[in-house]
Amino acid sequence: PVQQMLVCKLGERPNVNALITLCICMFIVVIPVLVLI
């Protein structure tokens, strides 16, 4: 759903949208989980 929201705002830019979505996931999920573990 985050990627679909970026598609609506930035248009069909698959690489950019996927990269931004992945960075959001890293900051709000992956890095905090690593710190917690």
PDB file of all heavy atoms in Angstrom:
ATOM      1  N   PRO A   1       0.821  -1.232   0.000  1.00  0.00           N
ATOM      2  CA  PRO A   1       0.000   0.000   0.000  1.00  0.00           C
ATOM      3  C   PRO A   1       0.847   1.271   0.000  1.00  0.00           C
ATOM      4  O   PRO A   1       0.455   2.274  -0.604  1.00  0.00           O
ATOM      5  CB  PRO A   1      -0.824  -0.125   1.283  1.00  0.00           C
ATOM      6  CG  PRO A   1      -0.885  -1.581   1.560  1.00  0.00           C
ATOM      7  CD  PRO A   1       0.428  -2.125   1.112  1.00  0.00           C
ATOM      8  N   VAL A   2       1.994   1.257   0.675  1.00  0.00           N
ATOM      9  CA  VAL A   2       2.879   2.425   0.664  1.00  0.00           C
ATOM     10  C   VAL A   2       3.393   2.680  -0.739  1.00  0.00           C
ATOM     11  O   VAL A   2       3.440   3.835  -1.212  1.00  0.00           O
ATOM     12  CB  VAL A   2       4.060   2.208   1.638  1.00  0.00           C
ATOM     13  CG1 VAL A   2       5.035   3.382   1.573  1.00  0.00           C
ATOM     14  CG2 VAL A   2       3.551   2.010   3.057  1.00  0.00           C
ATOM     15  N   GLN A   3       3.760   1.606  -1.422  1.00  0.00           N
ATOM     16  CA  GLN A   3       4.240   1.762  -2.797  1.00  0.00           C
ATOM     17  C   GLN A   3       3.143   2.296  -3.710  1.00  0.00           C
ATOM     18  O   GLN A   3       3.401   3.141  -4.574  1.00  0.00           O
ATOM     19  CB  GLN A   3       4.748   0.421  -3.311  1.00  0.00           C
ATOM     20  CG  GLN A   3       5.422   0.510  -4.675  1.00  0.00           C
ATOM     21  CD  GLN A   3       5.779  -0.849  -5.223  1.00  0.00           C
ATOM     22  OE1 GLN A   3       5.239  -1.859  -4.777  1.00  0.00           O
ATOM     23  NE2 GLN A   3       6.681  -0.890  -6.182  1.00  0.00           N
ATOM     24  N   GLN A   4       1.906   1.814  -3.521  1.00  0.00           N
ATOM     25  CA  GLN A   4       0.796   2.304  -4.347  1.00  0.00           C
ATOM     26  C   GLN A   4       0.548   3.789  -4.099  1.00  0.00           C
ATOM     27  O   GLN A   4       0.223   4.536  -5.022  1.00  0.00           O
ATOM     28  CB  GLN A   4      -0.468   1.500  -4.038  1.00  0.00           C
ATOM     29  CG  GLN A   4      -0.402   0.054  -4.487  1.00  0.00           C
ATOM     30  CD  GLN A   4      -0.203  -0.064  -5.987  1.00  0.00           C
ATOM     31  OE1 GLN A   4       0.867  -0.442  -6.455  1.00  0.00           O
ATOM     32  NE2 GLN A   4      -1.222   0.271  -6.736  1.00  0.00           N
ATOM     33  N   MET A   5       0.714   4.224  -2.858  1.00  0.00           N
ATOM     34  CA  MET A   5       0.562   5.646  -2.552  1.00  0.00           C
ATOM     35  C   MET A   5       1.639   6.467  -3.258  1.00  0.00           C
ATOM     36  O   MET A   5       1.354   7.553  -3.792  1.00  0.00           O
ATOM     37  CB  MET A   5       0.647   5.854  -1.044  1.00  0.00           C
ATOM     38  CG  MET A   5       0.453   7.301  -0.586  1.00  0.00           C
ATOM     39  SD  MET A   5       0.636   7.466   1.197  1.00  0.00           S
ATOM     40  CE  MET A   5       2.382   7.050   1.376  1.00  0.00           C
ATOM     41  N   LEU A   6       2.864   5.933  -3.303  1.00  0.00           N
ATOM     42  CA  LEU A   6       3.940   6.632  -4.010  1.00  0.00           C
ATOM     43  C   LEU A   6       3.678   6.671  -5.508  1.00  0.00           C
ATOM     44  O   LEU A   6       4.020   7.656  -6.172  1.00  0.00           O
ATOM     45  CB  LEU A   6       5.281   5.941  -3.729  1.00  0.00           C
ATOM     46  CG  LEU A   6       5.810   6.064  -2.292  1.00  0.00           C
ATOM     47  CD1 LEU A   6       7.053   5.214  -2.115  1.00  0.00           C
ATOM     48  CD2 LEU A   6       6.115   7.522  -1.969  1.00  0.00           C
ATOM     49  N   VAL A   7       3.079   5.616  -6.040  1.00  0.00           N
ATOM     50  CA  VAL A   7       2.739   5.601  -7.466  1.00  0.00           C
ATOM     51  C   VAL A   7       1.739   6.701  -7.788  1.00  0.00           C
ATOM     52  O   VAL A   7       1.844   7.390  -8.811  1.00  0.00           O
ATOM     53  CB  VAL A   7       2.188   4.225  -7.868  1.00  0.00           C
ATOM     54  CG1 VAL A   7       1.601   4.259  -9.276  1.00  0.00           C
ATOM     55  CG2 VAL A   7       3.285   3.171  -7.795  1.00  0.00           C
ATOM     56  N   CYS A   8       0.770   6.901  -6.894  1.00  0.00           N
ATOM     57  CA  CYS A   8      -0.224   7.958  -7.120  1.00  0.00           C
ATOM     58  C   CYS A   8       0.406   9.345  -7.074  1.00  0.00           C
ATOM     59  O   CYS A   8      -0.036  10.266  -7.799  1.00  0.00           O
ATOM     60  CB  CYS A   8      -1.340   7.846  -6.082  1.00  0.00           C
ATOM     61  SG  CYS A   8      -2.307   6.332  -6.189  1.00  0.00           S
ATOM     62  N   LYS A   9       1.432   9.517  -6.242  1.00  0.00           N
ATOM     63  CA  LYS A   9       2.045  10.841  -6.093  1.00  0.00           C
ATOM     64  C   LYS A   9       3.186  11.094  -7.074  1.00  0.00           C
ATOM     65  O   LYS A   9       3.339  12.206  -7.593  1.00  0.00           O
ATOM     66  CB  LYS A   9       2.560  11.011  -4.662  1.00  0.00           C
ATOM     67  CG  LYS A   9       1.446  11.077  -3.636  1.00  0.00           C
ATOM     68  CD  LYS A   9       1.995  11.392  -2.253  1.00  0.00           C
ATOM     69  CE  LYS A   9       0.866  11.552  -1.248  1.00  0.00           C
ATOM     70  NZ  LYS A   9       1.353  11.887   0.112  1.00  0.00           N
ATOM     71  N   LEU A  10       3.991  10.044  -7.344  1.00  0.00           N
ATOM     72  CA  LEU A  10       5.173  10.220  -8.190  1.00  0.00           C
ATOM     73  C   LEU A  10       4.999   9.667  -9.598  1.00  0.00           C
ATOM     74  O   LEU A  10       5.878   9.877 -10.440  1.00  0.00           O
ATOM     75  CB  LEU A  10       6.391   9.548  -7.533  1.00  0.00           C
ATOM     76  CG  LEU A  10       6.751  10.024  -6.123  1.00  0.00           C
ATOM     77  CD1 LEU A  10       7.952   9.247  -5.587  1.00  0.00           C
ATOM     78  CD2 LEU A  10       7.045  11.524  -6.119  1.00  0.00           C
ATOM     79  N   GLY A  11       3.926   8.943  -9.833  1.00  0.00           N
ATOM     80  CA  GLY A  11       3.732   8.351 -11.146  1.00  0.00           C
ATOM     81  C   GLY A  11       4.395   6.982 -11.243  1.00  0.00           C
ATOM     82  O   GLY A  11       4.959   6.463 -10.282  1.00  0.00           O
ATOM     83  N   GLU A  12       4.335   6.399 -12.451  1.00  0.00           N
ATOM     84  CA  GLU A  12       4.898   5.072 -12.685  1.00  0.00           C
ATOM     85  C   GLU A  12       6.416   5.160 -12.818  1.00  0.00           C
ATOM     86  O   GLU A  12       6.966   5.283 -13.901  1.00  0.00           O
ATOM     87  CB  GLU A  12       4.282   4.453 -13.949  1.00  0.00           C
ATOM     88  CG  GLU A  12       2.831   4.051 -13.808  1.00  0.00           C
ATOM     89  CD  GLU A  12       2.658   2.876 -12.845  1.00  0.00           C
ATOM     90  OE1 GLU A  12       3.655   2.170 -12.594  1.00  0.00           O
ATOM     91  OE2 GLU A  12       1.545   2.675 -12.352  1.00  0.00           O
ATOM     92  N   ARG A  13       7.089   5.106 -11.691  1.00  0.00           N
ATOM     93  CA  ARG A  13       8.553   5.077 -11.651  1.00  0.00           C
ATOM     94  C   ARG A  13       8.949   3.898 -10.771  1.00  0.00           C
ATOM     95  O   ARG A  13       9.224   4.056  -9.571  1.00  0.00           O
ATOM     96  CB  ARG A  13       9.090   6.394 -11.104  1.00  0.00           C
ATOM     97  CG  ARG A  13       8.613   7.612 -11.897  1.00  0.00           C
ATOM     98  CD  ARG A  13       8.999   8.923 -11.224  1.00  0.00           C
ATOM     99  NE  ARG A  13      10.443   9.108 -11.202  1.00  0.00           N
ATOM    100  CZ  ARG A  13      11.044  10.147 -10.629  1.00  0.00           C
ATOM    101  NH1 ARG A  13      10.303  11.075 -10.006  1.00  0.00           N
ATOM    102  NH2 ARG A  13      12.350  10.258 -10.659  1.00  0.00           N
ATOM    103  N   PRO A  14       8.959   2.692 -11.328  1.00  0.00           N
ATOM    104  CA  PRO A  14       9.089   1.469 -10.520  1.00  0.00           C
ATOM    105  C   PRO A  14      10.326   1.436  -9.625  1.00  0.00           C
ATOM    106  O   PRO A  14      10.232   1.097  -8.441  1.00  0.00           O
ATOM    107  CB  PRO A  14       9.142   0.351 -11.579  1.00  0.00           C
ATOM    108  CG  PRO A  14       8.497   0.940 -12.784  1.00  0.00           C
ATOM    109  CD  PRO A  14       8.812   2.399 -12.758  1.00  0.00           C
ATOM    110  N   ASN A  15      11.490   1.795 -10.179  1.00  0.00           N
ATOM    111  CA  ASN A  15      12.722   1.714  -9.394  1.00  0.00           C
ATOM    112  C   ASN A  15      12.720   2.710  -8.234  1.00  0.00           C
ATOM    113  O   ASN A  15      13.079   2.368  -7.100  1.00  0.00           O
ATOM    114  CB  ASN A  15      13.938   1.960 -10.287  1.00  0.00           C
ATOM    115  CG  ASN A  15      14.176   0.826 -11.261  1.00  0.00           C
ATOM    116  OD1 ASN A  15      14.010  -0.341 -10.917  1.00  0.00           O
ATOM    117  ND2 ASN A  15      14.548   1.149 -12.476  1.00  0.00           N
ATOM    118  N   VAL A  16      12.308   3.946  -8.521  1.00  0.00           N
ATOM    119  CA  VAL A  16      12.300   4.987  -7.492  1.00  0.00           C
ATOM    120  C   VAL A  16      11.279   4.655  -6.405  1.00  0.00           C
ATOM    121  O   VAL A  16      11.567   4.756  -5.203  1.00  0.00           O
ATOM    122  CB  VAL A  16      12.008   6.364  -8.119  1.00  0.00           C
ATOM    123  CG1 VAL A  16      11.873   7.433  -7.038  1.00  0.00           C
ATOM    124  CG2 VAL A  16      13.104   6.742  -9.107  1.00  0.00           C
ATOM    125  N   ASN A  17      10.087   4.251  -6.809  1.00  0.00           N
ATOM    126  CA  ASN A  17       9.043   3.930  -5.826  1.00  0.00           C
ATOM    127  C   ASN A  17       9.443   2.746  -4.939  1.00  0.00           C
ATOM    128  O   ASN A  17       9.238   2.771  -3.722  1.00  0.00           O
ATOM    129  CB  ASN A  17       7.731   3.620  -6.547  1.00  0.00           C
ATOM    130  CG  ASN A  17       7.165   4.833  -7.255  1.00  0.00           C
ATOM    131  OD1 ASN A  17       7.414   5.971  -6.847  1.00  0.00           O
ATOM    132  ND2 ASN A  17       6.415   4.608  -8.319  1.00  0.00           N
ATOM    133  N   ALA A  18      10.028   1.712  -5.559  1.00  0.00           N
ATOM    134  CA  ALA A  18      10.458   0.550  -4.781  1.00  0.00           C
ATOM    135  C   ALA A  18      11.589   0.921  -3.822  1.00  0.00           C
ATOM    136  O   ALA A  18      11.608   0.460  -2.668  1.00  0.00           O
ATOM    137  CB  ALA A  18      10.903  -0.572  -5.720  1.00  0.00           C
ATOM    138  N   LEU A  19      12.515   1.766  -4.273  1.00  0.00           N
ATOM    139  CA  LEU A  19      13.636   2.159  -3.414  1.00  0.00           C
ATOM    140  C   LEU A  19      13.160   2.996  -2.231  1.00  0.00           C
ATOM    141  O   LEU A  19      13.598   2.782  -1.084  1.00  0.00           O
ATOM    142  CB  LEU A  19      14.665   2.937  -4.235  1.00  0.00           C
ATOM    143  CG  LEU A  19      15.944   3.347  -3.506  1.00  0.00           C
ATOM    144  CD1 LEU A  19      16.679   2.112  -2.997  1.00  0.00           C
ATOM    145  CD2 LEU A  19      16.841   4.175  -4.430  1.00  0.00           C
ATOM    146  N   ILE A  20      12.256   3.941  -2.466  1.00  0.00           N
ATOM    147  CA  ILE A  20      11.733   4.764  -1.374  1.00  0.00           C
ATOM    148  C   ILE A  20      10.956   3.900  -0.376  1.00  0.00           C
ATOM    149  O   ILE A  20      11.101   4.043   0.852  1.00  0.00           O
ATOM    150  CB  ILE A  20      10.845   5.888  -1.926  1.00  0.00           C
ATOM    151  CG1 ILE A  20      11.682   6.862  -2.768  1.00  0.00           C
ATOM    152  CG2 ILE A  20      10.159   6.642  -0.792  1.00  0.00           C
ATOM    153  CD1 ILE A  20      10.862   7.937  -3.449  1.00  0.00           C
ATOM    154  N   THR A  21      10.144   2.985  -0.894  1.00  0.00           N
ATOM    155  CA  THR A  21       9.384   2.084  -0.014  1.00  0.00           C
ATOM    156  C   THR A  21      10.315   1.236   0.838  1.00  0.00           C
ATOM    157  O   THR A  21      10.085   1.047   2.038  1.00  0.00           O
ATOM    158  CB  THR A  21       8.475   1.171  -0.851  1.00  0.00           C
ATOM    159  OG1 THR A  21       7.629   1.971  -1.691  1.00  0.00           O
ATOM    160  CG2 THR A  21       7.618   0.303   0.040  1.00  0.00           C
ATOM    161  N   LEU A  22      11.385   0.740   0.228  1.00  0.00           N
ATOM    162  CA  LEU A  22      12.336  -0.084   0.960  1.00  0.00           C
ATOM    163  C   LEU A  22      13.065   0.726   2.038  1.00  0.00           C
ATOM    164  O   LEU A  22      13.305   0.228   3.140  1.00  0.00           O
ATOM    165  CB  LEU A  22      13.341  -0.688  -0.012  1.00  0.00           C
ATOM    166  CG  LEU A  22      14.251  -1.783   0.525  1.00  0.00           C
ATOM    167  CD1 LEU A  22      13.436  -2.950   1.054  1.00  0.00           C
ATOM    168  CD2 LEU A  22      15.211  -2.256  -0.552  1.00  0.00           C
ATOM    169  N   CYS A  23      13.400   1.976   1.739  1.00  0.00           N
ATOM    170  CA  CYS A  23      14.054   2.836   2.742  1.00  0.00           C
ATOM    171  C   CYS A  23      13.122   3.099   3.923  1.00  0.00           C
ATOM    172  O   CYS A  23      13.557   3.089   5.088  1.00  0.00           O
ATOM    173  CB  CYS A  23      14.480   4.157   2.096  1.00  0.00           C
ATOM    174  SG  CYS A  23      15.851   3.997   0.936  1.00  0.00           S
ATOM    175  N   ILE A  24      11.838   3.318   3.648  1.00  0.00           N
ATOM    176  CA  ILE A  24      10.862   3.505   4.719  1.00  0.00           C
ATOM    177  C   ILE A  24      10.801   2.266   5.602  1.00  0.00           C
ATOM    178  O   ILE A  24      10.776   2.348   6.840  1.00  0.00           O
ATOM    179  CB  ILE A  24       9.481   3.838   4.133  1.00  0.00           C
ATOM    180  CG1 ILE A  24       9.514   5.197   3.422  1.00  0.00           C
ATOM    181  CG2 ILE A  24       8.408   3.829   5.227  1.00  0.00           C
ATOM    182  CD1 ILE A  24       8.240   5.520   2.672  1.00  0.00           C
ATOM    183  N   CYS A  25      10.792   1.077   4.965  1.00  0.00           N
ATOM    184  CA  CYS A  25      10.768  -0.181   5.711  1.00  0.00           C
ATOM    185  C   CYS A  25      12.016  -0.331   6.571  1.00  0.00           C
ATOM    186  O   CYS A  25      11.927  -0.764   7.726  1.00  0.00           O
ATOM    187  CB  CYS A  25      10.654  -1.346   4.726  1.00  0.00           C
ATOM    188  SG  CYS A  25      10.864  -2.970   5.483  1.00  0.00           S
ATOM    189  N   MET A  26      13.156   0.042   6.043  1.00  0.00           N
ATOM    190  CA  MET A  26      14.404  -0.077   6.799  1.00  0.00           C
ATOM    191  C   MET A  26      14.375   0.792   8.050  1.00  0.00           C
ATOM    192  O   MET A  26      14.780   0.354   9.134  1.00  0.00           O
ATOM    193  CB  MET A  26      15.590   0.323   5.911  1.00  0.00           C
ATOM    194  CG  MET A  26      15.875  -0.637   4.767  1.00  0.00           C
ATOM    195  SD  MET A  26      16.565  -2.209   5.335  1.00  0.00           S
ATOM    196  CE  MET A  26      18.161  -1.654   5.950  1.00  0.00           C
ATOM    197  N   PHE A  27      13.877   2.006   7.921  1.00  0.00           N
ATOM    198  CA  PHE A  27      13.921   2.947   9.040  1.00  0.00           C
ATOM    199  C   PHE A  27      12.879   2.638  10.112  1.00  0.00           C
ATOM    200  O   PHE A  27      13.128   2.860  11.303  1.00  0.00           O
ATOM    201  CB  PHE A  27      13.745   4.383   8.544  1.00  0.00           C
ATOM    202  CG  PHE A  27      15.009   4.982   7.997  1.00  0.00           C
ATOM    203  CD1 PHE A  27      15.170   5.171   6.632  1.00  0.00           C
ATOM    204  CD2 PHE A  27      16.056   5.333   8.839  1.00  0.00           C
ATOM    205  CE1 PHE A  27      16.336   5.715   6.125  1.00  0.00           C
ATOM    206  CE2 PHE A  27      17.233   5.874   8.334  1.00  0.00           C
ATOM    207  CZ  PHE A  27      17.380   6.062   6.974  1.00  0.00           C
ATOM    208  N   ILE A  28      11.721   2.128   9.724  1.00  0.00           N
ATOM    209  CA  ILE A  28      10.671   1.929  10.721  1.00  0.00           C
ATOM    210  C   ILE A  28      10.562   0.481  11.191  1.00  0.00           C
ATOM    211  O   ILE A  28       9.886   0.217  12.193  1.00  0.00           O
ATOM    212  CB  ILE A  28       9.292   2.393  10.199  1.00  0.00           C
ATOM    213  CG1 ILE A  28       8.783   1.492   9.073  1.00  0.00           C
ATOM    214  CG2 ILE A  28       9.353   3.828   9.752  1.00  0.00           C
ATOM    215  CD1 ILE A  28       7.387   1.834   8.603  1.00  0.00           C
ATOM    216  N   VAL A  29      11.223  -0.472  10.513  1.00  0.00           N
ATOM    217  CA  VAL A  29      11.104  -1.874  10.903  1.00  0.00           C
ATOM    218  C   VAL A  29      12.472  -2.514  11.128  1.00  0.00           C
ATOM    219  O   VAL A  29      12.781  -2.965  12.235  1.00  0.00           O
ATOM    220  CB  VAL A  29      10.312  -2.694   9.849  1.00  0.00           C
ATOM    221  CG1 VAL A  29      10.290  -4.171  10.231  1.00  0.00           C
ATOM    222  CG2 VAL A  29       8.902  -2.166   9.712  1.00  0.00           C
ATOM    223  N   VAL A  30      13.289  -2.573  10.097  1.00  0.00           N
ATOM    224  CA  VAL A  30      14.509  -3.384  10.140  1.00  0.00           C
ATOM    225  C   VAL A  30      15.494  -2.860  11.178  1.00  0.00           C
ATOM    226  O   VAL A  30      15.971  -3.610  12.050  1.00  0.00           O
ATOM    227  CB  VAL A  30      15.164  -3.440   8.745  1.00  0.00           C
ATOM    228  CG1 VAL A  30      16.469  -4.230   8.807  1.00  0.00           C
ATOM    229  CG2 VAL A  30      14.210  -4.082   7.737  1.00  0.00           C
ATOM    230  N   ILE A  31      15.813  -1.563  11.122  1.00  0.00           N
ATOM    231  CA  ILE A  31      16.803  -1.003  12.052  1.00  0.00           C
ATOM    232  C   ILE A  31      16.324  -1.088  13.505  1.00  0.00           C
ATOM    233  O   ILE A  31      17.081  -1.522  14.384  1.00  0.00           O
ATOM    234  CB  ILE A  31      17.153   0.444  11.648  1.00  0.00           C
ATOM    235  CG1 ILE A  31      17.868   0.442  10.293  1.00  0.00           C
ATOM    236  CG2 ILE A  31      18.025   1.113  12.706  1.00  0.00           C
ATOM    237  CD1 ILE A  31      18.192   1.819   9.761  1.00  0.00           C
ATOM    238  N   PRO A  32      15.068  -0.698  13.836  1.00  0.00           N
ATOM    239  CA  PRO A  32      14.616  -0.873  15.226  1.00  0.00           C
ATOM    240  C   PRO A  32      14.642  -2.312  15.709  1.00  0.00           C
ATOM    241  O   PRO A  32      14.988  -2.580  16.877  1.00  0.00           O
ATOM    242  CB  PRO A  32      13.182  -0.322  15.198  1.00  0.00           C
ATOM    243  CG  PRO A  32      13.175   0.648  14.073  1.00  0.00           C
ATOM    244  CD  PRO A  32      14.065   0.046  13.047  1.00  0.00           C
ATOM    245  N   VAL A  33      14.294  -3.275  14.843  1.00  0.00           N
ATOM    246  CA  VAL A  33      14.328  -4.685  15.252  1.00  0.00           C
ATOM    247  C   VAL A  33      15.752  -5.130  15.544  1.00  0.00           C
ATOM    248  O   VAL A  33      16.009  -5.853  16.510  1.00  0.00           O
ATOM    249  CB  VAL A  33      13.690  -5.565  14.155  1.00  0.00           C
ATOM    250  CG1 VAL A  33      13.980  -7.045  14.415  1.00  0.00           C
ATOM    251  CG2 VAL A  33      12.184  -5.345  14.101  1.00  0.00           C
ATOM    252  N   LEU A  34      16.710  -4.689  14.724  1.00  0.00           N
ATOM    253  CA  LEU A  34      18.110  -5.035  14.969  1.00  0.00           C
ATOM    254  C   LEU A  34      18.592  -4.466  16.303  1.00  0.00           C
ATOM    255  O   LEU A  34      19.297  -5.149  17.068  1.00  0.00           O
ATOM    256  CB  LEU A  34      18.981  -4.521  13.824  1.00  0.00           C
ATOM    257  CG  LEU A  34      18.824  -5.227  12.471  1.00  0.00           C
ATOM    258  CD1 LEU A  34      19.701  -4.554  11.419  1.00  0.00           C
ATOM    259  CD2 LEU A  34      19.173  -6.702  12.589  1.00  0.00           C
ATOM    260  N   VAL A  35      18.214  -3.224  16.585  1.00  0.00           N
ATOM    261  CA  VAL A  35      18.607  -2.615  17.863  1.00  0.00           C
ATOM    262  C   VAL A  35      17.977  -3.366  19.030  1.00  0.00           C
ATOM    263  O   VAL A  35      18.636  -3.634  20.055  1.00  0.00           O
ATOM    264  CB  VAL A  35      18.203  -1.126  17.888  1.00  0.00           C
ATOM    265  CG1 VAL A  35      18.448  -0.522  19.267  1.00  0.00           C
ATOM    266  CG2 VAL A  35      18.973  -0.344  16.830  1.00  0.00           C
ATOM    267  N   LEU A  36      16.711  -3.744  18.881  1.00  0.00           N
ATOM    268  CA  LEU A  36      16.019  -4.470  19.946  1.00  0.00           C
ATOM    269  C   LEU A  36      16.652  -5.836  20.188  1.00  0.00           C
ATOM    270  O   LEU A  36      16.852  -6.248  21.332  1.00  0.00           O
ATOM    271  CB  LEU A  36      14.540  -4.621  19.587  1.00  0.00           C
ATOM    272  CG  LEU A  36      13.661  -5.347  20.604  1.00  0.00           C
ATOM    273  CD1 LEU A  36      13.619  -4.589  21.912  1.00  0.00           C
ATOM    274  CD2 LEU A  36      12.260  -5.552  20.049  1.00  0.00           C
ATOM    275  N   ILE A  37      16.964  -6.548  19.111  1.00  0.00           N
ATOM    276  CA  ILE A  37      17.576  -7.873  19.256  1.00  0.00           C
ATOM    277  C   ILE A  37      18.938  -7.767  19.936  1.00  0.00           C
ATOM    278  O   ILE A  37      19.279  -8.562  20.819  1.00  0.00           O
ATOM    279  CB  ILE A  37      17.700  -8.555  17.879  1.00  0.00           C
ATOM    280  CG1 ILE A  37      16.314  -8.918  17.344  1.00  0.00           C
ATOM    281  CG2 ILE A  37      18.568  -9.804  17.969  1.00  0.00           C
ATOM    282  CD1 ILE A  37      16.323  -9.490  15.942  1.00  0.00           C
TER     283      ILE A  37
END
